[in-house]
Protein backbone atom coordinates (compact mmCIF):
# COMPACT_ATOMS: atom_id res chain seq x y z
CA MET A 1 98.56 73.73 112.65
CA GLU A 2 98.68 76.82 114.84
CA ILE A 3 96.98 80.21 114.67
CA TYR A 4 99.28 83.19 115.04
CA VAL A 5 98.18 86.82 115.41
CA VAL A 6 100.34 89.33 113.55
CA GLN A 7 102.22 91.75 115.83
CA PRO A 8 103.66 95.22 115.07
CA GLY A 9 106.81 94.90 113.00
CA ASP A 10 106.03 91.40 111.77
CA THR A 11 106.82 90.36 108.23
CA LEU A 12 106.22 86.99 106.64
CA VAL A 13 109.98 86.37 106.67
CA ARG A 14 110.24 87.10 110.40
CA ILE A 15 107.21 84.94 111.20
CA ALA A 16 108.67 82.07 109.13
CA GLN A 17 112.00 82.37 110.97
CA ARG A 18 110.28 82.47 114.36
CA PHE A 19 108.41 79.22 113.72
CA GLY A 20 111.11 77.44 111.74
CA VAL A 21 109.02 77.15 108.57
CA THR A 22 109.47 78.54 105.07
CA VAL A 23 107.79 81.60 103.63
CA GLU A 24 106.54 79.34 100.85
CA ALA A 25 104.81 77.06 103.39
CA LEU A 26 103.08 80.05 104.99
CA GLN A 27 101.99 81.34 101.60
CA GLN A 28 100.69 77.96 100.49
CA LEU A 29 98.59 77.53 103.64
CA ASN A 30 97.23 81.10 103.85
CA GLN A 31 97.05 82.11 100.17
CA PHE A 32 97.87 85.77 100.86
CA PRO A 33 96.94 87.93 97.84
CA ASP A 34 99.95 90.10 98.68
CA PRO A 35 102.31 88.62 101.32
CA SER A 36 103.81 92.05 102.00
CA ARG A 37 100.49 93.48 103.22
CA LEU A 38 100.05 91.98 106.68
CA VAL A 39 97.74 93.71 109.16
CA VAL A 40 98.40 93.97 112.89
CA GLY A 41 95.90 91.68 114.60
CA GLN A 42 95.43 89.49 111.51
CA ALA A 43 95.12 85.77 112.29
CA ILE A 44 97.26 83.53 110.09
CA LEU A 45 97.89 79.80 110.06
CA ILE A 46 101.26 78.28 110.88
CA PRO A 47 101.99 74.78 109.57
CA THR A 48 103.32 72.41 112.22
CA ASN A 49 106.02 69.90 111.49
CA ALA A 50 105.60 66.19 112.12
CA ARG A 51 105.81 65.68 115.86
CA GLU A 52 108.53 63.64 117.48
CA ALA A 53 108.04 61.32 120.44
CA LEU A 54 108.10 63.01 123.83
CA ARG A 55 111.43 62.41 125.54
CA TYR A 56 111.61 63.10 129.27
CA THR A 57 114.84 63.47 131.21
CA VAL A 58 114.51 61.88 134.64
CA ALA A 59 115.06 64.33 137.51
CA PRO A 60 116.13 63.49 141.06
CA GLY A 61 113.13 62.17 142.98
CA ASP A 62 111.26 61.01 139.88
CA THR A 63 109.61 57.60 139.92
CA LEU A 64 107.71 55.79 137.18
CA TYR A 65 104.64 56.08 139.39
CA LEU A 66 104.91 59.89 139.47
CA LEU A 67 105.59 60.07 135.73
CA ALA A 68 102.63 57.78 134.98
CA GLN A 69 100.40 60.13 136.97
CA LEU A 70 101.84 63.24 135.30
CA PHE A 71 101.22 61.90 131.79
CA ASN A 72 98.06 59.90 132.48
CA THR A 73 99.59 56.57 131.51
CA SER A 74 100.75 53.47 133.39
CA ILE A 75 104.02 52.33 134.97
CA GLN A 76 103.94 49.24 132.78
CA ALA A 77 103.51 51.29 129.59
CA ILE A 78 106.53 53.49 130.35
CA ALA A 79 108.64 50.50 131.40
CA SER A 80 107.73 48.58 128.25
CA ALA A 81 108.42 51.54 125.93
CA ASN A 82 111.90 51.97 127.43
CA ASN A 83 112.87 48.31 128.04
CA ILE A 84 113.08 48.86 131.81
CA ALA A 85 113.38 45.49 133.51
CA ASP A 86 112.82 46.80 137.05
CA PRO A 87 110.31 49.71 137.20
CA ASN A 88 111.64 50.63 140.66
CA ARG A 89 115.13 51.33 139.35
CA ILE A 90 115.42 54.49 137.27
CA GLN A 91 118.21 57.03 137.57
CA ALA A 92 118.40 60.81 137.24
CA GLY A 93 119.56 61.77 133.77
CA MET A 94 117.92 58.82 132.01
CA VAL A 95 115.98 59.89 128.93
CA LEU A 96 112.63 58.14 128.70
CA VAL A 97 110.17 57.96 125.83
CA ILE A 98 106.67 58.66 127.17
CA PRO A 99 104.21 56.44 125.27
CA GLY A 100 101.14 58.15 123.87
CA TRP A 101 102.83 61.57 123.85
CA SER A 102 104.69 63.73 121.35
CA GLN A 103 106.52 67.01 121.65
CA GLN A 104 106.79 70.13 119.55
CA ALA A 105 108.99 73.16 119.85
CA TYR A 106 107.56 76.53 120.86
CA THR A 107 109.48 79.81 120.90
CA VAL A 108 108.39 82.10 123.73
CA ARG A 109 107.07 85.47 122.58
CA SER A 110 106.96 88.79 124.37
CA GLY A 111 104.11 88.79 126.91
CA ASP A 112 103.79 85.00 127.08
CA THR A 113 103.20 83.23 130.38
CA LEU A 114 103.38 79.50 131.03
CA TYR A 115 99.70 79.56 131.91
CA GLN A 116 98.82 81.05 128.50
CA ILE A 117 101.07 78.61 126.64
CA ALA A 118 99.63 75.63 128.53
CA ALA A 119 96.07 76.77 127.83
CA ARG A 120 96.87 77.29 124.14
CA TYR A 121 98.12 73.73 123.78
CA GLY A 122 95.66 72.07 126.15
CA VAL A 123 98.26 70.75 128.61
CA SER A 124 99.10 71.58 132.21
CA VAL A 125 101.70 74.05 133.44
CA SER A 126 103.29 71.29 135.52
CA GLN A 127 103.78 69.12 132.42
CA ILE A 128 105.62 71.94 130.62
CA VAL A 129 107.64 72.75 133.74
CA ARG A 130 108.73 69.14 134.29
CA VAL A 131 109.58 68.41 130.65
CA ASN A 132 111.68 71.59 130.35
CA ARG A 133 113.22 71.44 133.85
CA ILE A 134 112.00 74.97 134.62
CA SER A 135 112.93 75.94 138.18
CA ASP A 136 110.83 79.13 138.34
CA PRO A 137 107.63 79.06 136.22
CA SER A 138 107.37 82.85 136.34
CA LEU A 139 110.74 83.27 134.65
CA ILE A 140 110.49 82.57 130.94
CA TYR A 141 111.86 84.94 128.33
CA PRO A 142 111.25 85.82 124.67
CA GLY A 143 113.25 83.62 122.36
CA GLN A 144 113.38 80.70 124.80
CA VAL A 145 112.55 77.41 123.06
CA LEU A 146 110.27 75.10 125.03
CA SER A 147 109.32 71.50 124.33
CA ILE A 148 105.54 71.31 124.55
CA PRO A 149 104.16 67.84 125.42
CA GLN A 150 101.16 66.85 123.33
CA PRO A 151 98.98 63.74 123.74
CA LEU A 152 98.78 61.58 120.65
CA THR A 153 95.17 60.78 121.49
CA ALA A 154 93.88 64.00 119.91
CA PRO A 155 90.48 63.33 118.29
CA VAL A 156 90.66 62.34 114.66
CA PRO A 157 88.61 64.41 112.21
CA ARG A 158 84.96 63.38 112.30
CA LEU A 159 82.96 62.67 109.16
CA ILE A 160 80.44 65.40 108.33
CA GLU A 161 78.38 66.72 105.44
CA THR A 162 78.54 70.36 104.40
CA PHE A 163 76.04 72.59 102.61
CA ALA A 164 77.11 75.75 100.79
CA TYR A 165 74.84 78.34 99.17
CA PHE A 166 75.99 79.53 95.75
CA GLN A 167 74.65 82.31 93.53
CA LEU A 168 73.20 81.93 90.03
CA LEU A 169 75.29 84.90 88.86
CA ASN A 170 78.99 84.76 87.94
CA LEU A 171 79.10 81.03 87.29
CA SER A 172 82.60 81.38 85.86
CA GLY A 173 83.65 82.68 89.26
CA LEU A 174 81.91 79.72 90.90
CA GLU A 175 83.88 77.35 88.70
CA ARG A 176 87.16 79.03 89.66
CA SER A 177 86.26 78.93 93.37
CA LEU A 178 85.31 75.26 93.26
CA THR A 179 88.64 74.42 91.69
CA GLN A 180 90.06 75.35 95.10
CA ILE A 181 87.34 74.34 97.59
CA SER A 182 85.19 71.61 96.03
CA ALA A 183 86.69 68.92 98.27
CA TYR A 184 85.05 70.63 101.26
CA ILE A 185 81.48 70.79 99.90
CA THR A 186 78.90 67.98 99.97
CA TYR A 187 75.74 69.83 98.85
CA GLY A 188 75.40 73.04 96.87
CA GLY A 189 72.30 75.18 97.34
CA ILE A 190 71.64 77.15 94.14
CA PHE A 191 70.21 80.50 95.22
CA GLN A 192 67.48 81.26 94.34
CA TYR A 193 64.21 80.11 92.71
CA PRO A 194 61.35 82.42 93.76
CA VAL A 195 57.85 80.95 93.88
CA ASN A 196 55.02 82.79 92.13
CA PRO A 197 51.57 83.26 93.73
CA ASP A 198 50.18 80.44 91.57
CA GLY A 199 52.79 77.91 92.71
CA THR A 200 54.97 78.08 89.60
CA ILE A 201 58.71 78.49 90.08
CA VAL A 202 60.90 81.14 88.46
CA ILE A 203 63.64 79.06 86.85
CA SER A 204 66.84 80.84 85.90
CA PRO A 205 68.25 80.26 82.41
CA ASN A 206 71.58 79.63 84.19
CA THR A 207 70.21 76.54 85.92
CA GLU A 208 71.63 73.88 83.61
CA ARG A 209 75.10 75.37 83.69
CA ALA A 210 75.04 75.81 87.48
CA VAL A 211 73.94 72.21 87.98
CA ASN A 212 76.59 70.89 85.61
CA ILE A 213 79.34 72.85 87.36
CA LEU A 214 78.38 71.43 90.74
CA LYS A 215 78.12 67.90 89.38
CA ASN A 216 81.51 68.21 87.69
CA PHE A 217 82.98 68.87 91.13
CA GLN A 218 81.07 65.99 92.75
CA ILE A 219 78.77 68.36 94.65
CA ARG A 220 75.11 67.39 94.94
CA PRO A 221 72.97 70.33 93.66
CA MET A 222 69.76 71.57 95.29
CA PRO A 223 67.67 74.50 94.08
CA VAL A 224 66.63 76.96 96.80
CA ILE A 225 62.95 77.91 96.54
CA SER A 226 61.87 81.06 98.33
CA ASN A 227 59.00 83.45 99.04
CA TRP A 228 60.99 86.28 97.47
CA SER A 229 59.28 89.03 95.50
CA ALA A 230 61.13 91.71 93.60
CA ASN A 231 59.69 94.75 95.39
CA ILE A 232 59.48 93.40 98.93
CA GLY A 233 62.12 90.74 99.45
CA PHE A 234 60.98 87.87 101.65
CA ASP A 235 57.23 88.39 101.35
CA SER A 236 54.93 87.37 104.22
CA ASP A 237 51.76 87.66 102.14
CA LEU A 238 53.22 85.65 99.28
CA ALA A 239 54.12 82.85 101.69
CA ARG A 240 50.59 82.88 103.12
CA THR A 241 49.07 82.74 99.63
CA ILE A 242 51.20 79.73 98.70
CA LEU A 243 50.93 77.83 101.97
CA GLY A 244 47.25 78.51 102.69
CA ASN A 245 45.76 77.34 99.40
CA ASN A 246 45.77 73.59 98.81
CA THR A 247 45.63 73.88 95.02
CA ILE A 248 48.57 76.31 94.89
CA ARG A 249 50.53 74.25 97.38
CA GLN A 250 50.07 71.03 95.42
CA ASN A 251 50.99 72.87 92.25
CA LEU A 252 54.24 74.02 93.88
CA ILE A 253 55.05 70.49 95.05
CA ALA A 254 54.45 69.12 91.52
CA ASN A 255 56.58 71.89 89.99
CA THR A 256 59.34 71.21 92.51
CA LEU A 257 59.39 67.53 91.59
CA ASN A 258 59.51 68.44 87.89
CA LEU A 259 62.41 70.81 88.49
CA LEU A 260 64.42 68.15 90.32
CA GLN A 261 63.72 65.53 87.67
CA GLN A 262 64.45 67.83 84.74
CA TYR A 263 67.91 68.82 85.98
CA GLY A 264 68.86 65.71 87.94
CA MET A 265 69.16 67.46 91.30
CA ALA A 266 69.61 65.80 94.70
CA GLY A 267 66.70 67.45 96.47
CA ILE A 268 65.19 70.78 97.46
CA ASN A 269 66.16 73.46 99.92
CA VAL A 270 63.27 75.61 101.18
CA ASP A 271 64.22 79.14 102.24
CA PHE A 272 60.93 80.77 103.22
CA GLU A 273 61.61 83.70 105.55
CA ASN A 274 59.74 86.56 107.24
CA MET A 275 56.53 84.52 107.40
CA TYR A 276 53.63 85.37 109.70
CA PRO A 277 53.94 83.47 113.01
CA GLU A 278 50.25 82.59 112.64
CA ASP A 279 51.20 80.52 109.56
CA ARG A 280 53.31 78.13 111.61
CA ALA A 281 50.99 75.12 111.08
CA LEU A 282 50.67 75.92 107.37
CA PHE A 283 54.44 75.89 106.87
CA THR A 284 54.90 72.67 108.84
CA ASN A 285 52.16 71.03 106.80
CA PHE A 286 53.84 72.14 103.57
CA ILE A 287 57.17 70.57 104.56
CA ARG A 288 55.41 67.33 105.52
CA GLU A 289 53.58 67.20 102.18
CA LEU A 290 56.78 68.03 100.31
CA ALA A 291 58.65 65.21 102.05
CA ALA A 292 55.81 62.77 101.42
CA ALA A 293 55.97 63.55 97.70
CA LEU A 294 59.75 63.81 97.21
CA ASN A 295 61.33 61.29 99.60
CA PRO A 296 59.79 58.21 97.93
CA GLN A 297 61.30 59.45 94.65
CA GLY A 298 64.75 59.54 96.24
CA TYR A 299 64.93 63.32 96.71
CA LEU A 300 65.98 65.09 99.91
CA VAL A 301 63.82 67.75 101.53
CA THR A 302 65.91 70.32 103.40
CA LEU A 303 65.19 73.80 104.67
CA ALA A 304 66.78 76.84 106.26
CA VAL A 305 65.41 78.08 109.57
CA ALA A 306 65.95 81.31 111.49
CA PRO A 307 67.89 80.97 114.77
CA LYS A 308 66.13 81.02 118.14
CA TYR A 309 66.94 79.94 121.71
CA ALA A 310 63.35 79.04 122.71
CA ASP A 311 60.13 78.24 120.86
CA LEU A 312 58.82 81.85 120.69
CA PRO A 313 55.74 80.90 118.59
CA THR A 314 54.44 84.49 118.28
CA ALA A 315 57.75 86.19 117.47
CA SER A 316 58.40 87.67 114.01
CA TRP A 317 60.85 85.86 111.70
CA VAL A 318 61.26 82.85 114.03
CA GLY A 319 57.75 82.03 115.28
CA THR A 320 56.75 80.16 112.12
CA PHE A 321 59.46 77.56 112.61
CA ASP A 322 58.31 74.64 114.75
CA TYR A 323 61.74 73.10 115.23
CA ALA A 324 60.51 69.75 116.55
CA ALA A 325 57.86 69.20 113.86
CA LEU A 326 60.11 70.40 111.04
CA GLY A 327 62.98 68.25 112.30
CA ALA A 328 60.74 65.21 112.15
CA ALA A 329 59.59 65.96 108.60
CA ALA A 330 62.79 67.15 106.86
CA ASN A 331 65.91 65.19 105.94
CA PHE A 332 68.09 67.91 107.41
CA ILE A 333 67.88 71.54 108.50
CA PHE A 334 70.28 74.43 107.92
CA LEU A 335 70.42 76.65 111.02
CA MET A 336 71.02 80.26 109.99
CA THR A 337 73.26 80.93 112.97
CA TYR A 338 74.27 84.41 111.86
CA GLU A 339 72.91 87.93 111.29
CA TRP A 340 72.92 89.11 114.90
CA GLY A 341 75.03 91.86 113.40
CA TRP A 342 73.00 92.85 110.33
CA VAL A 343 72.93 95.66 107.78
CA GLY A 344 70.57 97.74 109.90
CA GLY A 345 72.97 97.74 112.86
CA PRO A 346 74.07 98.26 115.49
CA PRO A 347 77.60 97.16 114.58
CA MET A 348 78.41 93.85 116.27
CA ALA A 349 79.58 90.32 115.54
CA ILE A 350 77.62 88.69 112.73
CA ALA A 351 77.68 85.31 114.47
CA PRO A 352 78.73 85.79 118.13
CA ILE A 353 79.68 82.41 119.53
CA ASN A 354 77.73 82.89 122.77
CA GLN A 355 74.52 83.44 120.79
CA VAL A 356 75.28 80.61 118.37
CA ARG A 357 75.75 78.26 121.34
CA ARG A 358 72.34 79.22 122.77
CA VAL A 359 70.65 78.46 119.46
CA ILE A 360 72.36 75.11 119.00
CA GLN A 361 71.62 74.08 122.59
CA TYR A 362 67.93 74.70 121.97
CA ALA A 363 67.94 73.19 118.49
CA VAL A 364 69.40 69.85 119.61
CA SER A 365 66.71 69.64 122.28
CA GLN A 366 64.08 69.68 119.50
CA ILE A 367 65.83 68.22 116.44
CA PRO A 368 68.14 65.18 116.26
CA PRO A 369 71.69 66.55 115.94
CA GLU A 370 72.31 64.28 112.95
CA LYS A 371 69.75 66.42 111.09
CA LEU A 372 71.35 69.79 111.88
CA ILE A 373 73.74 71.85 109.75
CA GLN A 374 75.30 74.82 111.56
CA GLY A 375 75.45 77.89 109.33
CA VAL A 376 78.69 79.90 109.12
CA PRO A 377 78.77 83.38 107.52
CA LEU A 378 81.53 83.89 104.95
CA TYR A 379 81.19 87.66 104.57
CA ALA A 380 81.81 90.92 106.44
CA TYR A 381 79.77 94.01 107.29
CA ASN A 382 81.09 97.57 107.20
CA TRP A 383 78.99 100.10 109.16
CA THR A 384 79.45 103.85 109.09
CA LEU A 385 79.39 105.63 112.44
CA PRO A 386 77.55 106.98 114.27
CA ASP A 387 74.99 104.20 114.05
CA THR A 388 71.65 105.54 112.84
CA PRO A 389 68.66 103.88 111.13
CA GLN A 390 69.75 105.52 107.88
CA ASN A 391 73.29 104.11 108.03
CA GLN A 392 72.99 100.69 106.43
CA ALA A 393 76.07 98.49 106.43
CA THR A 394 77.75 97.46 103.21
CA THR A 395 78.68 93.84 102.61
CA LEU A 396 82.31 92.91 101.97
CA THR A 397 84.16 89.76 101.07
CA ILE A 398 86.52 88.68 103.83
CA PRO A 399 89.69 89.06 101.70
CA ALA A 400 88.63 92.67 101.00
CA VAL A 401 88.57 93.36 104.73
CA TYR A 402 92.34 93.05 104.99
CA ASP A 403 92.92 95.44 102.10
CA LEU A 404 90.67 97.95 103.86
CA ALA A 405 92.50 97.59 107.17
CA TYR A 406 95.91 97.81 105.51
CA ASN A 407 95.05 100.86 103.41
CA TYR A 408 93.76 102.80 106.41
CA GLY A 409 96.36 101.56 108.90
CA ALA A 410 93.80 99.88 111.15
CA ALA A 411 94.72 97.19 113.68
CA ILE A 412 92.35 94.23 114.04
CA ASN A 413 90.84 93.58 117.47
CA TYR A 414 89.29 90.34 118.72
CA ASP A 415 86.18 90.20 120.89
CA SER A 416 86.77 87.36 123.36
CA VAL A 417 83.07 87.00 124.26
CA ALA A 418 81.71 86.96 120.70
CA GLN A 419 84.87 85.22 119.44
CA SER A 420 84.91 87.55 116.43
CA PRO A 421 87.43 89.97 114.87
CA TRP A 422 86.64 93.62 114.22
CA PHE A 423 88.27 97.00 113.64
CA ARG A 424 87.54 100.68 113.15
CA TYR A 425 88.99 103.12 110.66
CA THR A 426 88.42 106.66 109.44
CA ASP A 427 88.07 107.11 105.69
CA THR A 428 89.45 109.95 103.56
CA ALA A 429 86.24 111.96 104.08
CA GLY A 430 86.70 111.82 107.85
CA VAL A 431 83.89 109.29 108.37
CA GLN A 432 84.45 106.56 110.94
CA HIS A 433 83.62 102.93 110.14
CA GLU A 434 83.34 99.68 112.09
CA VAL A 435 83.89 96.30 110.43
CA TRP A 436 83.05 92.82 111.74
CA PHE A 437 83.97 89.59 109.98
CA GLU A 438 85.21 86.00 110.42
CA ASP A 439 88.75 84.66 110.61
CA ALA A 440 90.61 81.48 111.51
CA ARG A 441 89.99 82.03 115.23
CA SER A 442 86.26 82.63 114.94
CA VAL A 443 85.57 79.67 112.63
CA THR A 444 87.65 77.47 114.93
CA ALA A 445 85.25 78.32 117.75
CA LYS A 446 82.28 77.50 115.51
CA TYR A 447 83.70 74.16 114.38
CA GLN A 448 84.40 73.25 117.98
CA LEU A 449 80.70 73.84 118.71
CA ALA A 450 79.59 71.67 115.80
CA ARG A 451 81.87 68.92 117.03
CA GLU A 452 80.80 69.31 120.65
CA PHE A 453 77.11 68.88 119.74
CA ASN A 454 77.84 66.12 117.22
CA LEU A 455 75.96 67.89 114.43
CA ARG A 456 75.45 66.49 110.94
CA GLY A 457 77.78 69.18 109.69
CA VAL A 458 78.38 72.83 108.93
CA GLY A 459 77.23 75.06 106.08
CA TYR A 460 78.04 78.39 104.52
CA TRP A 461 76.31 81.51 103.29
CA GLY A 462 78.27 83.75 100.98
CA TYR A 463 76.79 86.51 98.85
CA VAL A 464 79.23 86.09 95.96
CA ASN A 465 80.71 83.05 94.25
CA GLU A 466 84.21 84.50 94.00
CA PRO A 467 86.01 84.75 96.31
CA TYR A 468 84.01 82.21 98.31
CA GLY A 469 84.92 82.67 101.95
CA PHE A 470 88.59 83.01 102.85
CA PRO A 471 91.57 80.69 102.36
CA GLN A 472 92.27 79.87 106.02
CA ASN A 473 88.74 78.55 106.56
CA TRP A 474 89.32 75.31 104.69
CA PRO A 475 92.47 74.00 106.43
CA VAL A 476 90.85 74.88 109.77
CA LEU A 477 87.80 72.85 108.74
CA THR A 478 89.97 69.81 108.02
CA GLU A 479 91.53 70.03 111.47
CA TYR A 480 88.14 69.06 112.91
CA PHE A 481 86.28 67.24 110.14
CA GLU A 482 86.54 65.05 107.10
CA VAL A 483 83.94 66.10 104.55
CA VAL A 484 81.82 63.38 102.98
CA LYS A 485 81.62 63.50 99.18
CA LEU A 486 78.55 61.68 97.89
CA GLY A 487 79.05 62.32 94.20
CA SER A 488 76.65 64.14 91.93
């Protein structure tokens, strides 16, 4: 599978012809709502055909020793694959199969260089030059078809678990979404169950239906308890009241156990946010007590934590989270590696990869990587300009982003440092906007990080159940991972 960025003048028919695939194959992979409405700068997925064995035409001066070095194999392996009795006797013009390698066709586009093509496919310029008998590497031209050597030792998808947050509203939409994406979800966090000051839990009347939907799709349900109050949001004082009083805390733990037993859930997800840094020990103690009560009953204790690149024990929002202690107590932790770009601005990437890397590097130094879920945002923010404290961003679904760009004739840019797409447009009232979101390129970078650090898995936050994320996300995920399904 390849990622292609739409260029001016592109249509789905032209892109299909360029890559030798059908329009139907492109539509099936990308699920375009309207295939005629492509946006310049939009990243789309191109299906790749089954690869054929790499065939190399021997050039004057070639030896099996030189070819073995070029393709990181052995003289004996090449000789055996080609039934060569005497490895010292090969002739120019012989066509050799190179064991452990395949080839795929690539059509040169305007602006391409061999260096860019080699980097894109993870091979060397010299390998492309030798396979294609290119005399001058600086002279390639649009429309030229190159054979790109590819090692067959590409890493196989690694087993992971995923955790997705779903809303208690629009459960019909959730059911429709899961018809398409349930194979990619291990655990479903049902958002949310606010905790009252006395330790009771506000239980939605939609709970039974939500749980049944997740179970029907073999997704293990977990309610998300929070320190949310209607007038404040994530309430620091409410958290302190709950965590600081032993009677209230034990009442909450008992009510949590009752909730899990009543609805047959897999465990709990704790999403306490905006707590006082001074309550760090209280929160850690609560998670320890929760695990001591729930784990022996077969229930998981999980939690979401704010992202940080150092301990920062006195900092707001993040100081309460003692990564090392919480990692020891919980079954796994969801890292909220997003919201650098937030509704209050300034406009920027929601989850810039350089910042996400810093957080994960610190997190794995404190928490075993097999207990870490990397959070991925499946939404967009649209800020009005100029950026002022009064100009709060609006939240968009990612599919809606492309309609916006198309309707206003905007071209999508890509920030190479943040590894995130964005664009600007001017609305009919003359007001300028800036939009940041995720696409196939940005989630690829995030999945590469999760794989690099050998994390337990990845997870998702989306503010609506339908559409949940964007269609290209799921085939990209399967390029890197195989999702574990544990049943309900």
